N, C-alpha and C. Protein backbone atom coordinates (compact mmCIF):
# COMPACT_ATOMS: atom_id res chain seq x y z
N MET A 1 -41.46 29.87 -33.63
CA MET A 1 -40.21 29.73 -32.87
C MET A 1 -39.23 29.16 -33.81
N LEU A 2 -37.95 29.69 -33.56
CA LEU A 2 -36.93 29.11 -34.35
C LEU A 2 -35.89 28.37 -33.42
N GLU A 3 -35.25 27.28 -33.96
CA GLU A 3 -34.39 26.61 -33.10
C GLU A 3 -33.22 26.14 -33.93
N ALA A 4 -31.97 26.14 -33.55
CA ALA A 4 -30.90 25.50 -34.13
C ALA A 4 -29.82 25.16 -33.14
N THR A 5 -28.99 24.19 -33.55
CA THR A 5 -27.78 23.87 -32.76
C THR A 5 -26.58 24.87 -33.25
N GLY A 6 -25.65 24.85 -32.46
CA GLY A 6 -24.52 25.93 -32.71
C GLY A 6 -24.03 25.81 -34.22
N PRO A 7 -23.71 24.64 -34.77
CA PRO A 7 -23.12 24.56 -36.20
C PRO A 7 -24.28 24.85 -37.19
N ASP A 8 -25.42 24.84 -36.82
CA ASP A 8 -26.54 25.11 -37.87
C ASP A 8 -27.14 26.49 -37.96
N LEU A 9 -26.54 27.40 -37.01
CA LEU A 9 -26.89 28.74 -37.13
C LEU A 9 -26.29 29.47 -38.37
N THR A 10 -27.02 30.23 -39.05
CA THR A 10 -26.38 30.91 -40.14
C THR A 10 -25.83 32.25 -39.58
N ALA A 11 -24.86 32.88 -40.32
CA ALA A 11 -24.11 34.00 -39.89
C ALA A 11 -25.21 35.10 -39.48
N ALA A 12 -26.22 35.25 -40.44
CA ALA A 12 -27.34 36.22 -40.13
C ALA A 12 -28.01 35.93 -38.76
N GLN A 13 -28.29 34.79 -38.50
CA GLN A 13 -29.02 34.41 -37.34
C GLN A 13 -28.10 34.70 -36.06
N LEU A 14 -26.81 34.28 -36.16
CA LEU A 14 -25.96 34.58 -35.00
C LEU A 14 -25.93 35.97 -34.87
N TYR A 15 -25.59 36.87 -35.88
CA TYR A 15 -25.52 38.23 -35.87
C TYR A 15 -26.73 38.94 -34.99
N ALA A 16 -27.88 38.50 -35.43
CA ALA A 16 -29.20 38.85 -34.85
C ALA A 16 -29.29 38.53 -33.34
N ILE A 17 -28.85 37.27 -33.02
CA ILE A 17 -28.74 36.83 -31.65
C ILE A 17 -27.77 37.82 -30.82
N LEU A 18 -26.65 37.85 -31.26
CA LEU A 18 -25.55 38.58 -30.52
C LEU A 18 -26.02 40.23 -30.43
N ARG A 19 -26.68 40.56 -31.40
CA ARG A 19 -27.08 41.95 -31.37
C ARG A 19 -27.98 42.10 -30.25
N LEU A 20 -29.07 41.37 -30.20
CA LEU A 20 -30.02 41.44 -29.13
C LEU A 20 -29.29 41.41 -27.72
N ARG A 21 -28.48 40.24 -27.57
CA ARG A 21 -27.77 40.05 -26.24
C ARG A 21 -26.91 41.25 -25.88
N GLY A 22 -26.26 41.92 -26.92
CA GLY A 22 -25.48 43.17 -26.70
C GLY A 22 -26.40 44.30 -26.23
N GLU A 23 -27.43 44.44 -26.94
CA GLU A 23 -28.33 45.67 -26.70
C GLU A 23 -28.88 45.64 -25.26
N VAL A 24 -29.31 44.47 -24.80
CA VAL A 24 -29.82 44.36 -23.55
C VAL A 24 -28.76 44.11 -22.35
N PHE A 25 -27.96 43.20 -22.51
CA PHE A 25 -26.96 43.07 -21.48
C PHE A 25 -25.97 43.94 -21.32
N VAL A 26 -25.30 44.36 -22.35
CA VAL A 26 -24.19 45.28 -22.30
C VAL A 26 -24.63 46.73 -22.27
N VAL A 27 -25.66 47.08 -23.20
CA VAL A 27 -26.01 48.55 -23.39
C VAL A 27 -27.02 48.92 -22.22
N GLU A 28 -28.22 48.22 -22.34
CA GLU A 28 -29.17 48.46 -21.36
C GLU A 28 -28.86 48.31 -19.82
N GLN A 29 -28.40 47.07 -19.67
CA GLN A 29 -27.95 46.69 -18.32
C GLN A 29 -26.62 47.26 -17.79
N GLU A 30 -25.95 47.83 -18.76
CA GLU A 30 -24.60 48.39 -18.47
C GLU A 30 -23.60 47.31 -17.96
N CYS A 31 -23.52 46.17 -18.47
CA CYS A 31 -22.70 45.07 -18.07
C CYS A 31 -21.56 44.86 -19.15
N VAL A 32 -20.37 45.30 -18.98
CA VAL A 32 -19.40 45.06 -19.88
C VAL A 32 -18.70 43.61 -19.60
N TYR A 33 -19.01 42.49 -20.36
CA TYR A 33 -18.58 41.23 -20.09
C TYR A 33 -18.30 40.44 -21.35
N ALA A 34 -17.63 39.43 -21.34
CA ALA A 34 -17.30 38.66 -22.55
C ALA A 34 -18.51 37.68 -22.87
N ASP A 35 -19.46 38.26 -23.60
CA ASP A 35 -20.56 37.52 -24.09
C ASP A 35 -20.24 36.35 -24.96
N ILE A 36 -19.23 36.60 -25.82
CA ILE A 36 -18.78 35.56 -26.57
C ILE A 36 -17.81 34.56 -26.02
N ASP A 37 -18.38 33.43 -25.44
CA ASP A 37 -17.54 32.56 -24.60
C ASP A 37 -17.13 31.34 -25.16
N GLY A 38 -17.37 31.19 -26.41
CA GLY A 38 -16.89 29.98 -27.19
C GLY A 38 -17.80 28.87 -27.07
N ARG A 39 -19.12 29.10 -26.57
CA ARG A 39 -20.10 27.98 -26.44
C ARG A 39 -21.23 28.01 -27.36
N ASP A 40 -21.36 29.13 -28.08
CA ASP A 40 -22.48 29.34 -29.11
C ASP A 40 -22.44 28.39 -30.27
N LEU A 41 -21.29 28.13 -30.73
CA LEU A 41 -21.21 27.23 -31.92
C LEU A 41 -20.97 25.85 -31.74
N LEU A 42 -20.94 25.37 -30.37
CA LEU A 42 -20.87 24.00 -30.09
C LEU A 42 -22.00 23.16 -30.69
N PRO A 43 -21.79 21.99 -31.10
CA PRO A 43 -22.87 21.05 -31.54
C PRO A 43 -24.06 20.71 -30.57
N THR A 44 -23.52 20.84 -29.22
CA THR A 44 -24.45 20.49 -28.11
C THR A 44 -25.27 21.71 -27.59
N THR A 45 -24.95 22.93 -28.05
CA THR A 45 -25.71 24.00 -27.75
C THR A 45 -26.99 24.27 -28.52
N ARG A 46 -28.19 24.38 -27.90
CA ARG A 46 -29.39 24.67 -28.55
C ARG A 46 -29.72 26.05 -28.31
N HIS A 47 -30.08 26.68 -29.55
CA HIS A 47 -30.58 28.12 -29.47
C HIS A 47 -31.94 28.12 -29.81
N LEU A 48 -32.78 29.01 -29.14
CA LEU A 48 -34.19 29.07 -29.39
C LEU A 48 -34.50 30.50 -29.34
N TRP A 49 -35.20 31.06 -30.35
CA TRP A 49 -35.49 32.43 -30.48
C TRP A 49 -36.69 32.67 -31.21
N LEU A 50 -37.31 33.85 -30.94
CA LEU A 50 -38.53 34.30 -31.74
C LEU A 50 -38.12 35.57 -32.56
N ALA A 51 -38.48 35.72 -33.84
CA ALA A 51 -38.04 36.79 -34.63
C ALA A 51 -39.30 37.63 -35.19
N ASP A 52 -38.98 38.81 -35.35
CA ASP A 52 -40.00 39.66 -35.99
C ASP A 52 -39.99 39.47 -37.45
N PRO A 53 -40.86 40.08 -38.20
CA PRO A 53 -41.05 39.83 -39.69
C PRO A 53 -39.75 40.16 -40.43
N ALA A 54 -39.02 41.28 -39.80
CA ALA A 54 -37.77 41.83 -40.53
C ALA A 54 -36.65 40.86 -40.29
N GLY A 55 -36.74 39.73 -39.35
CA GLY A 55 -35.68 38.82 -39.05
C GLY A 55 -34.91 39.28 -37.87
N GLY A 56 -35.33 40.32 -37.15
CA GLY A 56 -34.67 40.73 -35.96
C GLY A 56 -35.03 39.76 -34.74
N VAL A 57 -34.22 39.49 -33.84
CA VAL A 57 -34.57 38.55 -32.73
C VAL A 57 -35.30 39.36 -31.52
N THR A 58 -36.52 38.95 -31.23
CA THR A 58 -37.25 39.59 -30.26
C THR A 58 -37.04 39.04 -28.89
N ALA A 59 -36.79 37.73 -28.73
CA ALA A 59 -36.60 36.94 -27.56
C ALA A 59 -35.70 35.71 -27.84
N TYR A 60 -35.03 35.40 -26.94
CA TYR A 60 -33.82 34.36 -27.08
C TYR A 60 -33.49 33.68 -25.84
N LEU A 61 -32.92 32.36 -25.84
CA LEU A 61 -32.27 31.62 -24.78
C LEU A 61 -31.49 30.66 -25.44
N ARG A 62 -30.56 30.19 -24.73
CA ARG A 62 -29.70 28.99 -25.17
C ARG A 62 -29.73 27.99 -24.12
N VAL A 63 -29.57 26.72 -24.49
CA VAL A 63 -29.39 25.58 -23.64
C VAL A 63 -27.96 24.96 -23.79
N LEU A 64 -27.19 24.90 -22.75
CA LEU A 64 -25.83 24.24 -22.87
C LEU A 64 -25.84 22.92 -22.16
N ALA A 65 -24.86 22.10 -22.66
CA ALA A 65 -24.72 20.82 -22.06
C ALA A 65 -23.52 21.07 -21.23
N ASP A 66 -23.72 21.04 -19.88
CA ASP A 66 -22.55 21.31 -18.95
C ASP A 66 -21.90 19.89 -18.92
N PRO A 67 -20.50 20.02 -18.49
CA PRO A 67 -19.82 18.76 -18.35
C PRO A 67 -20.33 17.58 -17.41
N ASP A 68 -21.05 18.15 -16.39
CA ASP A 68 -21.69 17.10 -15.43
C ASP A 68 -23.01 16.54 -15.85
N GLY A 69 -23.42 16.73 -17.10
CA GLY A 69 -24.63 16.07 -17.51
C GLY A 69 -25.93 16.95 -17.33
N VAL A 70 -25.76 18.09 -16.75
CA VAL A 70 -26.89 19.00 -16.56
C VAL A 70 -27.00 19.86 -17.67
N SER A 71 -28.23 20.21 -17.95
CA SER A 71 -28.48 21.21 -19.04
C SER A 71 -28.55 22.58 -18.34
N ARG A 72 -27.83 23.53 -18.93
CA ARG A 72 -27.90 24.85 -18.45
C ARG A 72 -28.56 25.91 -19.33
N ILE A 73 -29.51 26.47 -18.90
CA ILE A 73 -30.32 27.54 -19.47
C ILE A 73 -29.62 28.90 -19.29
N GLY A 74 -29.42 29.62 -20.40
CA GLY A 74 -28.78 31.02 -20.01
C GLY A 74 -29.10 31.94 -21.25
N ARG A 75 -28.58 33.13 -21.03
CA ARG A 75 -28.78 34.28 -21.93
C ARG A 75 -30.32 34.53 -22.48
N VAL A 76 -31.11 34.20 -21.39
CA VAL A 76 -32.51 34.57 -21.49
C VAL A 76 -32.63 36.03 -21.69
N VAL A 77 -33.33 36.46 -22.89
CA VAL A 77 -33.30 37.90 -23.15
C VAL A 77 -34.51 38.29 -24.03
N THR A 78 -35.09 39.30 -23.79
CA THR A 78 -36.23 39.85 -24.55
C THR A 78 -36.04 41.26 -24.89
N ALA A 79 -36.18 41.70 -26.17
CA ALA A 79 -36.05 43.00 -26.58
C ALA A 79 -37.02 43.90 -25.79
N ALA A 80 -36.59 45.10 -25.44
CA ALA A 80 -37.34 45.98 -24.75
C ALA A 80 -38.64 46.23 -25.41
N SER A 81 -38.78 46.32 -26.74
CA SER A 81 -40.02 46.43 -27.47
C SER A 81 -40.95 45.41 -27.39
N ALA A 82 -40.58 44.25 -26.91
CA ALA A 82 -41.34 43.06 -27.01
C ALA A 82 -41.59 42.52 -25.55
N ARG A 83 -41.25 43.23 -24.50
CA ARG A 83 -41.46 42.64 -23.16
C ARG A 83 -43.09 42.73 -22.76
N GLY A 84 -43.26 41.80 -21.83
CA GLY A 84 -44.68 41.83 -21.41
C GLY A 84 -45.67 40.97 -22.30
N GLN A 85 -45.08 40.23 -23.25
CA GLN A 85 -45.93 39.39 -24.15
C GLN A 85 -45.74 37.90 -23.79
N GLY A 86 -45.04 37.57 -22.79
CA GLY A 86 -44.87 36.16 -22.51
C GLY A 86 -43.84 35.47 -23.37
N LEU A 87 -43.00 36.08 -23.94
CA LEU A 87 -42.00 35.59 -25.02
C LEU A 87 -40.97 34.62 -24.29
N ALA A 88 -40.47 35.15 -23.14
CA ALA A 88 -39.54 34.39 -22.58
C ALA A 88 -40.22 32.97 -21.91
N ALA A 89 -41.51 33.08 -21.47
CA ALA A 89 -42.19 31.98 -21.05
C ALA A 89 -42.34 30.93 -22.11
N SER A 90 -42.63 31.45 -23.37
CA SER A 90 -42.84 30.53 -24.48
C SER A 90 -41.51 29.77 -24.88
N LEU A 91 -40.34 30.64 -24.84
CA LEU A 91 -39.10 29.92 -24.98
C LEU A 91 -38.72 28.88 -24.03
N MET A 92 -39.10 29.22 -22.71
CA MET A 92 -38.76 28.26 -21.65
C MET A 92 -39.61 26.94 -21.86
N GLU A 93 -40.85 27.10 -22.11
CA GLU A 93 -41.70 25.93 -22.43
C GLU A 93 -41.08 25.01 -23.55
N ALA A 94 -40.52 25.64 -24.65
CA ALA A 94 -40.04 24.93 -25.62
C ALA A 94 -38.74 24.31 -25.28
N ALA A 95 -37.98 25.00 -24.45
CA ALA A 95 -36.60 24.53 -24.22
C ALA A 95 -36.90 23.25 -23.18
N LEU A 96 -37.85 23.20 -22.35
CA LEU A 96 -38.02 22.15 -21.49
C LEU A 96 -38.99 21.08 -22.00
N ALA A 97 -39.60 21.31 -23.10
CA ALA A 97 -40.55 20.15 -23.63
C ALA A 97 -39.64 18.85 -23.98
N ASP A 98 -40.24 17.83 -23.41
CA ASP A 98 -39.67 16.48 -23.60
C ASP A 98 -38.20 16.39 -23.22
N ALA A 99 -37.82 17.08 -22.17
CA ALA A 99 -36.45 17.24 -21.85
C ALA A 99 -36.48 16.80 -20.28
N PRO A 100 -36.34 15.46 -20.05
CA PRO A 100 -36.62 14.85 -18.67
C PRO A 100 -35.26 15.13 -17.82
N GLY A 101 -34.22 15.57 -18.26
CA GLY A 101 -32.99 15.69 -17.43
C GLY A 101 -33.09 16.96 -16.47
N GLU A 102 -32.07 16.95 -15.72
CA GLU A 102 -31.88 18.14 -14.81
C GLU A 102 -31.39 19.48 -15.45
N PHE A 103 -31.96 20.48 -15.05
CA PHE A 103 -31.52 21.82 -15.57
C PHE A 103 -31.16 22.78 -14.47
N VAL A 104 -30.27 23.75 -14.79
CA VAL A 104 -29.92 24.69 -13.97
C VAL A 104 -29.70 26.03 -14.53
N LEU A 105 -30.07 27.18 -13.79
CA LEU A 105 -29.89 28.38 -14.42
C LEU A 105 -29.38 29.43 -13.33
N ASP A 106 -28.82 30.51 -13.72
CA ASP A 106 -28.58 31.67 -12.82
C ASP A 106 -29.55 32.87 -13.30
N SER A 107 -30.52 32.92 -12.44
CA SER A 107 -31.63 33.90 -12.58
C SER A 107 -31.16 35.25 -12.04
N GLN A 108 -31.60 36.36 -12.84
CA GLN A 108 -31.48 37.70 -12.11
C GLN A 108 -32.55 37.58 -11.07
N THR A 109 -32.35 38.06 -9.90
CA THR A 109 -33.20 37.84 -8.80
C THR A 109 -34.69 38.25 -8.96
N TYR A 110 -34.84 39.31 -9.69
CA TYR A 110 -36.24 39.80 -9.91
C TYR A 110 -36.96 38.71 -10.82
N ALA A 111 -36.38 37.90 -11.45
CA ALA A 111 -37.09 37.09 -12.52
C ALA A 111 -37.34 35.67 -11.94
N GLN A 112 -37.06 35.44 -10.72
CA GLN A 112 -37.19 34.02 -10.09
C GLN A 112 -38.65 33.56 -10.37
N SER A 113 -39.70 34.39 -10.31
CA SER A 113 -40.99 33.73 -10.42
C SER A 113 -41.32 33.28 -11.76
N LEU A 114 -40.55 33.81 -12.88
CA LEU A 114 -40.84 33.18 -14.20
C LEU A 114 -40.31 31.79 -14.13
N TYR A 115 -39.16 31.56 -13.64
CA TYR A 115 -38.55 30.20 -13.67
C TYR A 115 -39.27 29.30 -12.71
N ALA A 116 -39.76 29.78 -11.53
CA ALA A 116 -40.46 28.98 -10.59
C ALA A 116 -41.69 28.28 -11.25
N ARG A 117 -42.27 29.03 -12.23
CA ARG A 117 -43.45 28.42 -12.90
C ARG A 117 -43.10 27.22 -13.69
N PHE A 118 -41.87 27.03 -13.91
CA PHE A 118 -41.41 25.84 -14.66
C PHE A 118 -40.73 24.77 -13.72
N GLY A 119 -40.89 24.96 -12.54
CA GLY A 119 -40.34 23.94 -11.60
C GLY A 119 -38.88 24.17 -11.08
N PHE A 120 -38.42 25.36 -11.40
CA PHE A 120 -37.12 25.75 -10.83
C PHE A 120 -37.21 26.20 -9.42
N VAL A 121 -36.19 25.74 -8.53
CA VAL A 121 -36.24 26.08 -7.18
C VAL A 121 -34.87 26.86 -6.80
N ALA A 122 -34.90 27.99 -6.26
CA ALA A 122 -33.71 28.73 -5.81
C ALA A 122 -32.81 27.84 -4.84
N GLU A 123 -31.52 27.92 -5.05
CA GLU A 123 -30.64 27.22 -4.07
C GLU A 123 -29.44 28.12 -3.88
N GLY A 124 -28.85 28.05 -2.67
CA GLY A 124 -27.80 28.91 -2.40
C GLY A 124 -28.06 30.35 -2.10
N ASP A 125 -27.02 31.10 -1.99
CA ASP A 125 -27.24 32.52 -1.75
C ASP A 125 -27.38 33.33 -2.90
N GLU A 126 -27.83 34.48 -2.79
CA GLU A 126 -27.87 35.49 -3.83
C GLU A 126 -26.51 35.92 -4.11
N PHE A 127 -26.07 36.24 -5.28
CA PHE A 127 -24.66 36.65 -5.55
C PHE A 127 -24.75 37.78 -6.74
N LEU A 128 -23.76 38.51 -6.87
CA LEU A 128 -23.72 39.52 -7.89
C LEU A 128 -22.96 38.99 -9.06
N ASP A 129 -23.64 39.21 -10.15
CA ASP A 129 -22.94 38.84 -11.50
C ASP A 129 -22.87 40.15 -12.30
N ASP A 130 -21.78 40.83 -12.46
CA ASP A 130 -21.65 42.02 -13.18
C ASP A 130 -22.45 43.09 -12.49
N GLY A 131 -22.51 42.96 -11.14
CA GLY A 131 -23.09 44.05 -10.46
C GLY A 131 -24.65 43.84 -10.26
N ILE A 132 -25.30 42.77 -10.92
CA ILE A 132 -26.66 42.52 -10.91
C ILE A 132 -26.93 41.29 -9.97
N PRO A 133 -27.83 41.35 -9.06
CA PRO A 133 -28.21 40.33 -8.14
C PRO A 133 -28.79 39.12 -8.93
N HIS A 134 -28.24 37.97 -8.59
CA HIS A 134 -28.59 36.57 -9.40
C HIS A 134 -28.77 35.57 -8.16
N ILE A 135 -29.62 34.56 -8.68
CA ILE A 135 -29.64 33.37 -7.65
C ILE A 135 -29.58 32.13 -8.62
N THR A 136 -28.93 31.19 -8.17
CA THR A 136 -28.93 29.84 -9.02
C THR A 136 -30.32 29.21 -8.73
N MET A 137 -30.81 28.58 -9.76
CA MET A 137 -32.14 27.87 -9.64
C MET A 137 -32.02 26.55 -10.31
N ARG A 138 -32.45 25.53 -9.81
CA ARG A 138 -32.38 24.23 -10.33
C ARG A 138 -33.78 23.45 -10.59
N ARG A 139 -33.83 22.79 -11.54
CA ARG A 139 -35.06 21.95 -11.80
C ARG A 139 -34.66 20.41 -11.83
N ALA A 140 -35.18 19.65 -11.09
CA ALA A 140 -34.88 18.32 -10.93
C ALA A 140 -35.36 17.48 -12.28
N ALA A 141 -34.62 16.43 -12.43
CA ALA A 141 -34.87 15.50 -13.59
C ALA A 141 -36.30 14.97 -13.44
N GLY A 142 -36.94 14.81 -14.49
CA GLY A 142 -38.26 14.19 -14.59
C GLY A 142 -39.38 15.27 -14.17
N LYS A 143 -39.00 16.51 -13.94
CA LYS A 143 -40.18 17.46 -13.64
C LYS A 143 -40.80 17.84 -15.03
N SER A 144 -42.05 18.28 -14.97
CA SER A 144 -42.75 18.80 -16.33
C SER A 144 -43.36 20.07 -16.01
């Protein structure tokens, strides 16, 4: 598992991360949206990913520090060729390890069970984000 804060990412690492996010979110899921949101290079942004031997990113997520003090997990993605291997769960375990604070995320509705395994609870109503059903999920501070 690889991890870096925004300023510590190399150009090659950022390129590989953005490539995977584009392949899955923009091409596969057909969502044209502004993925580059200005938060990837912030010193408070944590990037966690798994790479193949050639340096390609097979699974990825980022943790943002929201202004309200809550940590936001987002951009959870696994390459089509690497799905079904538990890679997203491995990344979630690492992101939450030794992190006692509150976490929030917006889950694609079909993936709620993944996040529920880590203590996340759905809140509010389902909503569409770029035409895909999502639900906000929250993990209270102090959960393990």
